[in-house]
Amino acid sequence: MKKIKIAILGFGQRGFVYANIIKQNPKLMELVSVCEINEKKKPLIMQMFGLNEESIFLDYKEMYKKGKIADILIISTMDQDHYIQAMEALEIGYDILLEKPIATKKEEIKAIKDKANNLGRNVAVAHVLRHTLFYQKLKELIDLGKIGKVQAISQTENIGYFHFAHSYVRGNWRKKELSAPMILAKACHDLDIIKYLVDSKCIKLSSFGNLNYFKKDNTPEGASDYCYKCEVVCPFNALKFYKENPLWAMIFSLNPNIDEVLRDENLTYSRCVYKLDNDVPDSQVVNLEFANGVLASLVVTAFSKETHRQIKIHGSLGEIEADLEAKKIVIKPYLEEDEIIDLSKHSETFDFHQGGDINMLVDFVLNIKDGTKVSALTDINYSLESHELAIDAEASRLNNGKVFIYK
């Protein structure tokens, strides 16, 4: 059986996840090359994934000079790099698994889609939620009419108080000019899943949101600029969190001495969350109206204890309440007893986005292996609208909730 050869461009948290999935499926796929700008990661990549020094690159241009060295290229670099890297990879001949967001501008997103179609290349977008048993089951229940005709959907993405502090206050996504707007970088997933469940065109959109909490005005009395100097009891204490979660620290440093890392005042990860240069909203709501009459809302917030997604679907004959991480769906028909679906009894695969990452990559690999078009679940042609909605949501937020109307 032919193995599908895969190269990874960008070896942060997402690249690491993909590499592990490839390693777990040795009969189907093989990791043959990695490009990662952080040279310190090279020994770890070689040790963990069995690559030799010649197959690891520090500059994507050097990798691209080698031509097409794999069947699939996974692009999991920073958001603003996706456009140029994807366009050049398509020219080389790669089929691409592209991390979301596709790009940061509408015209760039469309250009990647058009180039892929013109060249006959497959581009899958990492909208992994479509590949979870959870959302596929919700889609099945809607299509079966279990709660009648859907009238409204509310989805909440609880980012988690420390996940938000790590990525959107201290991390690479803390300023929109460094990456992409938070609603695009984090929540195009959620807009995509709403679109998937509603199965209709969005005709109106508005959005509100602000940076309300992680700013200097809310600095506790006596707080220091760096956590290692601070005596204030605080849920965002960097030393405590990274000592308890050392794998998170690997994203920005390979130094095993966490105390030493978090005393490095050149790193934003050791800084007080109230005294940084972050400017992205810590809560945002998006309101949507669809052509079939369904109304939807998306709430994205930093202020939750756990990282999890909740959804409520209101129908003409009942409602559904569900929680992705709890693996639980509750169907509430108006004239019958509630029905509880425990998804943990239906699958053993819930690693990496509740199994979505694994299912998505395996699906894409099988499509490429068989020479067939990538499934509609993640094909770039089906991912454009969610990205455009996210970009317009940010424009609406910045313009006092301006309503966007689509024909």
Protein backbone atom coordinates (compact mmCIF):
# COMPACT_ATOMS: atom_id res chain seq x y z
CA MET A 1 0.00 0.00 0.00
CA LYS A 2 1.35 3.39 -0.99
CA LYS A 3 2.01 5.73 1.92
CA ILE A 4 1.11 9.38 1.48
CA LYS A 5 4.16 11.54 2.10
CA ILE A 6 3.56 14.70 4.14
CA ALA A 7 5.68 17.78 4.79
CA ILE A 8 4.87 20.30 7.54
CA LEU A 9 5.58 24.01 7.25
CA GLY A 10 5.45 25.57 10.73
CA PHE A 11 6.09 23.43 13.80
CA GLY A 12 4.29 25.21 16.59
CA GLN A 13 1.46 23.62 18.54
CA ARG A 14 -0.57 22.76 15.45
CA GLY A 15 2.39 21.36 13.51
CA PHE A 16 3.28 19.22 16.52
CA VAL A 17 -0.30 17.85 16.66
CA TYR A 18 -0.25 16.91 12.98
CA ALA A 19 3.15 15.25 13.29
CA ASN A 20 1.85 13.08 16.13
CA ILE A 21 -1.20 12.04 14.12
CA ILE A 22 1.05 11.08 11.20
CA LYS A 23 3.25 9.08 13.58
CA GLN A 24 0.18 7.23 14.89
CA ASN A 25 -0.88 6.18 11.37
CA PRO A 26 2.33 4.70 9.87
CA LYS A 27 0.56 2.43 7.37
CA LEU A 28 -1.27 5.33 5.75
CA MET A 29 1.05 8.34 5.95
CA GLU A 30 4.67 9.34 6.53
CA LEU A 31 6.29 12.59 7.69
CA VAL A 32 9.17 13.29 5.32
CA SER A 33 10.10 16.92 5.98
CA VAL A 34 9.59 19.83 8.37
CA CYS A 35 10.27 23.54 8.04
CA GLU A 36 10.51 25.46 11.32
CA ILE A 37 12.16 28.84 11.85
CA ASN A 38 13.08 28.11 15.47
CA GLU A 39 16.38 26.23 15.14
CA LYS A 40 16.19 25.12 18.78
CA LYS A 41 13.39 22.73 17.87
CA LYS A 42 15.50 20.81 15.36
CA PRO A 43 16.99 18.18 17.73
CA LEU A 44 13.54 17.50 19.23
CA ILE A 45 11.95 17.05 15.79
CA MET A 46 14.72 14.68 14.73
CA GLN A 47 14.48 12.66 17.92
CA MET A 48 10.68 12.41 18.12
CA PHE A 49 9.86 11.89 14.46
CA GLY A 50 12.92 10.15 13.03
CA LEU A 51 13.86 12.81 10.49
CA ASN A 52 17.45 13.40 9.40
CA GLU A 53 19.08 16.81 9.35
CA GLU A 54 18.73 17.19 5.58
CA SER A 55 14.94 16.94 5.76
CA ILE A 56 14.54 19.83 8.22
CA PHE A 57 14.53 23.41 6.96
CA LEU A 58 14.67 26.77 8.73
CA ASP A 59 13.39 28.82 5.79
CA TYR A 60 10.39 27.82 3.70
CA LYS A 61 12.05 29.23 0.58
CA GLU A 62 14.85 26.68 0.96
CA MET A 63 12.28 23.92 1.31
CA TYR A 64 10.43 25.15 -1.78
CA LYS A 65 13.66 25.15 -3.83
CA LYS A 66 13.64 21.36 -3.49
CA GLY A 67 10.42 21.20 -5.49
CA LYS A 68 7.60 18.86 -4.57
CA ILE A 69 9.06 16.61 -1.89
CA ALA A 70 5.76 15.25 -0.55
CA ASP A 71 2.21 14.52 -1.66
CA ILE A 72 0.68 16.90 0.89
CA LEU A 73 2.02 20.08 2.45
CA ILE A 74 0.54 21.12 5.78
CA ILE A 75 0.83 24.89 6.30
CA SER A 76 0.58 25.73 10.00
CA THR A 77 2.56 28.96 10.19
CA MET A 78 1.43 32.37 11.44
CA ASP A 79 -1.79 33.70 9.94
CA GLN A 80 -0.24 36.50 7.90
CA ASP A 81 2.18 34.07 6.20
CA HIS A 82 -0.47 31.73 4.79
CA TYR A 83 -1.19 33.65 1.59
CA ILE A 84 2.28 33.78 0.04
CA GLN A 85 3.23 30.32 1.26
CA ALA A 86 0.05 28.71 -0.06
CA MET A 87 0.21 30.47 -3.42
CA GLU A 88 3.82 29.36 -4.01
CA ALA A 89 3.09 25.81 -2.80
CA LEU A 90 0.24 25.49 -5.30
CA GLU A 91 2.62 26.49 -8.09
CA ILE A 92 5.07 23.78 -7.00
CA GLY A 93 2.31 21.21 -7.24
CA TYR A 94 1.29 20.51 -3.66
CA ASP A 95 -2.11 19.52 -2.39
CA ILE A 96 -2.44 21.53 0.82
CA LEU A 97 -3.92 21.17 4.27
CA LEU A 98 -4.13 24.81 5.31
CA GLU A 99 -4.56 25.90 8.90
CA LYS A 100 -7.29 28.41 9.51
CA PRO A 101 -7.57 31.20 8.80
CA ILE A 102 -6.94 30.67 5.08
CA ALA A 103 -5.49 34.21 4.97
CA THR A 104 -6.22 37.55 6.62
CA LYS A 105 -7.80 39.45 3.70
CA LYS A 106 -10.79 38.62 1.51
CA GLU A 107 -8.88 39.13 -1.72
CA GLU A 108 -6.07 36.81 -0.56
CA ILE A 109 -8.54 34.10 0.47
CA LYS A 110 -10.26 34.26 -2.92
CA ALA A 111 -6.91 34.23 -4.74
CA ILE A 112 -5.85 30.99 -3.02
CA LYS A 113 -9.21 29.39 -3.85
CA ASP A 114 -9.08 30.48 -7.48
CA LYS A 115 -5.49 29.32 -7.95
CA ALA A 116 -6.23 25.92 -6.45
CA ASN A 117 -9.24 25.46 -8.72
CA ASN A 118 -7.39 26.65 -11.82
CA LEU A 119 -4.45 24.30 -11.17
CA GLY A 120 -6.62 21.37 -10.12
CA ARG A 121 -5.10 21.22 -6.64
CA ASN A 122 -6.90 20.13 -3.48
CA VAL A 123 -6.87 22.56 -0.57
CA ALA A 124 -8.46 21.47 2.70
CA VAL A 125 -9.02 24.07 5.40
CA ALA A 126 -8.53 22.96 9.00
CA HIS A 127 -12.16 23.47 10.04
CA VAL A 128 -11.81 20.43 12.25
CA LEU A 129 -15.11 20.86 14.11
CA ARG A 130 -17.00 19.57 11.05
CA HIS A 131 -15.10 16.31 11.48
CA THR A 132 -16.11 15.73 15.10
CA LEU A 133 -18.71 13.13 15.96
CA PHE A 134 -20.38 15.86 18.09
CA TYR A 135 -21.24 18.30 15.30
CA GLN A 136 -21.95 15.56 12.77
CA LYS A 137 -24.49 14.12 15.21
CA LEU A 138 -26.09 17.53 15.67
CA LYS A 139 -26.34 17.89 11.89
CA GLU A 140 -27.95 14.44 11.66
CA LEU A 141 -30.52 15.30 14.36
CA ILE A 142 -31.44 18.55 12.58
CA ASP A 143 -31.77 16.83 9.20
CA LEU A 144 -33.97 14.10 10.76
CA GLY A 145 -36.32 16.80 12.07
CA LYS A 146 -35.89 15.73 15.69
CA ILE A 147 -36.83 19.24 16.89
CA GLY A 148 -38.86 20.32 13.88
CA LYS A 149 -37.71 23.29 11.84
CA VAL A 150 -34.72 25.12 13.32
CA GLN A 151 -35.58 28.66 14.36
CA ALA A 152 -32.47 29.88 16.20
CA ILE A 153 -28.98 28.75 17.22
CA SER A 154 -26.70 30.13 19.90
CA GLN A 155 -23.08 28.97 20.04
CA THR A 156 -20.63 29.96 22.76
CA GLU A 157 -16.91 29.50 22.51
CA ASN A 158 -15.47 29.62 26.01
CA ILE A 159 -11.80 30.19 25.25
CA GLY A 160 -10.77 29.65 28.88
CA TYR A 161 -9.29 32.36 31.09
CA PHE A 162 -5.71 31.11 30.84
CA HIS A 163 -5.84 30.01 27.21
CA PHE A 164 -6.88 33.55 26.38
CA ALA A 165 -4.12 35.00 28.56
CA HIS A 166 -1.55 32.72 26.93
CA SER A 167 -2.50 33.32 23.28
CA TYR A 168 -4.37 36.63 23.11
CA VAL A 169 -2.82 38.70 25.90
CA ARG A 170 0.75 37.46 26.16
CA GLY A 171 1.09 35.49 22.93
CA ASN A 172 1.41 35.82 19.18
CA TRP A 173 -2.26 36.72 18.68
CA ARG A 174 -2.35 39.61 21.17
CA LYS A 175 -2.29 42.33 18.50
CA LYS A 176 -4.38 42.13 15.35
CA GLU A 177 -1.57 43.49 13.17
CA LEU A 178 0.67 40.62 14.30
CA SER A 179 -1.75 37.93 13.12
CA ALA A 180 -5.45 38.25 12.36
CA PRO A 181 -8.47 39.63 14.23
CA MET A 182 -9.41 37.35 17.13
CA ILE A 183 -12.84 36.58 15.63
CA LEU A 184 -11.12 35.33 12.45
CA ALA A 185 -8.13 33.59 14.02
CA LYS A 186 -10.10 31.83 16.77
CA ALA A 187 -13.75 31.75 15.82
CA CYS A 188 -13.99 31.23 12.05
CA HIS A 189 -14.35 27.62 13.31
CA ASP A 190 -17.59 28.57 15.04
CA LEU A 191 -19.00 30.67 12.21
CA ASP A 192 -18.25 27.76 9.89
CA ILE A 193 -20.05 25.28 12.13
CA ILE A 194 -23.10 27.55 12.42
CA LYS A 195 -23.19 27.80 8.63
CA TYR A 196 -22.82 24.00 8.39
CA LEU A 197 -25.76 23.39 10.73
CA VAL A 198 -28.05 26.07 9.30
CA ASP A 199 -27.24 25.14 5.68
CA SER A 200 -28.33 28.49 4.25
CA LYS A 201 -26.77 31.74 3.09
CA CYS A 202 -26.22 34.50 5.64
CA ILE A 203 -28.12 37.67 4.67
CA LYS A 204 -27.38 39.97 7.63
CA LEU A 205 -24.57 40.31 10.18
CA SER A 206 -23.57 42.62 13.02
CA SER A 207 -21.03 42.36 15.81
CA PHE A 208 -20.07 43.99 19.09
CA GLY A 209 -17.04 43.53 21.31
CA ASN A 210 -14.33 45.32 23.22
CA LEU A 211 -11.19 44.89 25.24
CA ASN A 212 -12.75 45.42 28.65
CA TYR A 213 -10.56 43.67 31.19
CA PHE A 214 -6.96 42.94 30.18
CA LYS A 215 -5.75 46.53 30.32
CA LYS A 216 -3.89 48.87 32.65
CA ASP A 217 -7.03 50.30 34.27
CA ASN A 218 -7.70 46.94 35.92
CA THR A 219 -4.19 46.35 37.30
CA PRO A 220 -4.44 45.09 40.91
CA GLU A 221 -2.83 47.34 43.49
CA GLY A 222 0.79 46.36 44.04
CA ALA A 223 1.09 44.25 40.89
CA SER A 224 4.58 44.00 39.37
CA ASP A 225 5.41 44.12 35.67
CA TYR A 226 6.56 40.47 35.75
CA CYS A 227 4.90 37.53 37.47
CA TYR A 228 8.10 36.27 39.10
CA LYS A 229 8.38 39.58 40.96
CA CYS A 230 4.71 39.76 41.94
CA GLU A 231 3.10 38.87 45.27
CA VAL A 232 -0.49 39.55 44.23
CA VAL A 233 -2.70 36.45 44.25
CA CYS A 234 -3.83 36.24 40.64
CA PRO A 235 -5.42 33.55 38.41
CA PHE A 236 -3.14 34.63 35.55
CA ASN A 237 0.13 33.96 37.37
CA ALA A 238 2.49 32.77 34.64
CA LEU A 239 4.89 30.86 36.90
CA LYS A 240 2.13 28.77 38.42
CA PHE A 241 0.45 27.99 35.11
CA TYR A 242 3.52 27.05 33.08
CA LYS A 243 4.94 24.91 35.86
CA GLU A 244 1.66 23.01 35.95
CA ASN A 245 1.40 22.92 32.14
CA PRO A 246 4.97 22.59 30.80
CA LEU A 247 3.85 21.58 27.29
CA TRP A 248 2.36 25.05 26.81
CA ALA A 249 5.79 26.51 27.48
CA MET A 250 7.26 24.40 24.67
CA ILE A 251 5.39 26.58 22.17
CA PHE A 252 7.67 29.55 22.84
CA SER A 253 10.79 28.01 24.41
CA LEU A 254 12.58 24.66 24.53
CA ASN A 255 14.39 25.50 27.75
CA PRO A 256 13.31 22.82 30.27
CA ASN A 257 14.02 25.21 33.14
CA ILE A 258 10.65 26.99 33.37
CA ASP A 259 11.81 29.24 36.23
CA GLU A 260 14.64 30.50 34.04
CA VAL A 261 12.34 31.03 31.07
CA LEU A 262 9.81 33.02 33.08
CA ARG A 263 12.50 35.29 34.45
CA ASP A 264 13.46 36.28 30.95
CA GLU A 265 12.10 39.82 30.71
CA ASN A 266 12.41 39.75 26.91
CA LEU A 267 9.48 37.33 26.80
CA THR A 268 5.90 38.58 26.91
CA TYR A 269 4.89 35.25 28.48
CA SER A 270 6.36 36.32 31.82
CA ARG A 271 4.58 39.69 31.82
CA CYS A 272 1.62 40.93 33.85
CA VAL A 273 -1.57 40.50 31.78
CA TYR A 274 -2.69 44.03 32.69
CA LYS A 275 0.47 45.77 31.46
CA LEU A 276 0.98 44.51 27.90
CA ASP A 277 0.40 45.95 24.43
CA ASN A 278 -2.54 43.67 23.57
CA ASP A 279 -5.48 45.21 21.72
CA VAL A 280 -7.85 42.36 20.79
CA PRO A 281 -11.32 42.14 22.39
CA ASP A 282 -11.69 39.76 25.30
CA SER A 283 -15.40 39.18 24.52
CA GLN A 284 -17.27 39.47 21.23
CA VAL A 285 -20.75 38.63 19.97
CA VAL A 286 -21.76 38.08 16.34
CA ASN A 287 -25.42 38.21 15.26
CA LEU A 288 -26.51 36.48 12.03
CA GLU A 289 -29.68 36.12 9.99
CA PHE A 290 -29.94 33.45 7.29
CA ALA A 291 -32.00 33.26 4.12
CA ASN A 292 -34.07 30.36 5.48
CA GLY A 293 -35.17 32.50 8.45
CA VAL A 294 -32.86 31.03 11.07
CA LEU A 295 -31.31 33.51 13.51
CA ALA A 296 -27.96 32.73 15.13
CA SER A 297 -25.59 34.24 17.63
CA LEU A 298 -21.99 33.49 18.45
CA VAL A 299 -20.42 34.53 21.75
CA VAL A 300 -16.64 34.28 22.08
CA THR A 301 -15.29 35.03 25.53
CA ALA A 302 -12.12 34.81 27.58
CA PHE A 303 -14.04 34.49 30.81
CA SER A 304 -14.56 30.81 31.49
CA LYS A 305 -12.84 28.35 33.77
CA GLU A 306 -12.58 25.63 31.15
CA THR A 307 -11.98 25.71 27.41
CA HIS A 308 -15.17 24.37 25.85
CA ARG A 309 -17.92 24.97 23.32
CA GLN A 310 -21.63 24.98 24.10
CA ILE A 311 -24.54 25.15 21.67
CA LYS A 312 -28.31 25.50 21.94
CA ILE A 313 -30.56 24.83 18.96
CA HIS A 314 -34.17 26.00 19.15
CA GLY A 315 -36.69 24.25 16.91
CA SER A 316 -40.41 24.39 16.23
CA LEU A 317 -40.97 21.04 18.00
CA GLY A 318 -38.22 21.07 20.60
CA GLU A 319 -34.69 22.13 21.45
CA ILE A 320 -31.21 20.70 21.77
CA GLU A 321 -28.59 21.61 24.37
CA ALA A 322 -25.09 20.26 23.91
CA ASP A 323 -21.51 20.62 25.13
CA LEU A 324 -18.62 19.54 22.89
CA GLU A 325 -16.07 18.74 25.61
CA ALA A 326 -18.66 17.03 27.83
CA LYS A 327 -19.52 14.82 24.80
CA LYS A 328 -23.18 15.23 25.71
CA ILE A 329 -26.25 16.10 23.63
CA VAL A 330 -29.67 16.58 25.24
CA ILE A 331 -32.72 16.48 22.96
CA LYS A 332 -35.79 18.16 24.51
CA PRO A 333 -38.95 17.52 22.44
CA TYR A 334 -41.91 19.59 23.63
CA LEU A 335 -44.30 16.64 23.98
CA GLU A 336 -41.90 13.84 24.93
CA GLU A 337 -39.31 12.97 27.54
CA ASP A 338 -35.78 14.33 27.15
CA GLU A 339 -33.25 12.11 25.41
CA ILE A 340 -29.60 12.19 26.43
CA ILE A 341 -26.90 11.10 23.96
CA ASP A 342 -23.55 10.28 25.57
CA LEU A 343 -21.08 10.41 22.71
CA SER A 344 -18.31 8.86 24.81
CA LYS A 345 -20.13 5.55 24.26
CA HIS A 346 -20.02 5.96 20.47
CA SER A 347 -16.28 6.50 19.88
CA GLU A 348 -12.90 5.99 21.49
CA THR A 349 -11.21 8.82 19.60
CA PHE A 350 -11.51 12.17 21.36
CA ASP A 351 -7.92 13.43 21.28
CA PHE A 352 -7.06 16.62 19.36
CA HIS A 353 -10.24 18.71 19.07
CA GLN A 354 -12.47 15.82 20.20
CA GLY A 355 -11.18 13.62 17.39
CA GLY A 356 -11.69 16.27 14.71
CA ASP A 357 -7.99 16.69 13.88
CA ILE A 358 -7.45 12.98 13.40
CA ASN A 359 -10.60 12.49 11.33
CA MET A 360 -9.84 15.51 9.16
CA LEU A 361 -6.25 14.54 8.35
CA VAL A 362 -7.11 10.90 7.68
CA ASP A 363 -10.02 11.97 5.45
CA PHE A 364 -7.79 14.31 3.45
CA VAL A 365 -5.03 11.72 3.09
CA LEU A 366 -7.49 9.09 1.86
CA ASN A 367 -8.92 11.53 -0.66
CA ILE A 368 -5.47 12.36 -2.01
CA LYS A 369 -4.45 8.70 -1.99
CA ASP A 370 -7.48 7.66 -4.05
CA GLY A 371 -7.14 10.60 -6.40
CA THR A 372 -10.59 11.92 -5.60
CA LYS A 373 -11.65 15.45 -4.71
CA VAL A 374 -11.34 16.38 -1.05
CA SER A 375 -14.60 16.00 0.84
CA ALA A 376 -16.93 18.99 0.93
CA LEU A 377 -16.56 19.14 4.71
CA THR A 378 -13.29 21.06 4.52
CA ASP A 379 -12.77 21.97 0.87
CA ILE A 380 -11.65 25.58 0.47
CA ASN A 381 -14.67 26.32 -1.73
CA TYR A 382 -16.94 25.63 1.24
CA SER A 383 -14.85 27.64 3.70
CA LEU A 384 -14.95 31.06 2.08
CA GLU A 385 -18.20 32.32 3.58
CA SER A 386 -17.21 31.72 7.21
CA HIS A 387 -13.98 33.66 6.66
CA GLU A 388 -15.77 36.53 4.97
CA LEU A 389 -18.31 36.64 7.81
CA ALA A 390 -15.49 36.78 10.37
CA ILE A 391 -13.75 39.63 8.51
CA ASP A 392 -17.04 41.54 8.28
CA ALA A 393 -17.75 40.86 11.96
CA GLU A 394 -14.50 42.59 12.87
CA ALA A 395 -15.38 45.52 10.60
CA SER A 396 -18.81 45.71 12.26
CA ARG A 397 -17.29 45.63 15.75
CA LEU A 398 -14.98 48.52 14.85
CA ASN A 399 -17.90 50.50 13.38
CA ASN A 400 -20.38 50.48 16.29
CA GLY A 401 -22.14 47.31 15.19
CA LYS A 402 -22.61 48.28 11.55
CA VAL A 403 -25.06 45.87 9.86
CA PHE A 404 -23.74 44.05 6.80
CA ILE A 405 -26.43 43.01 4.31
CA TYR A 406 -25.70 40.31 1.73
CA LYS A 407 -27.69 39.74 -1.46
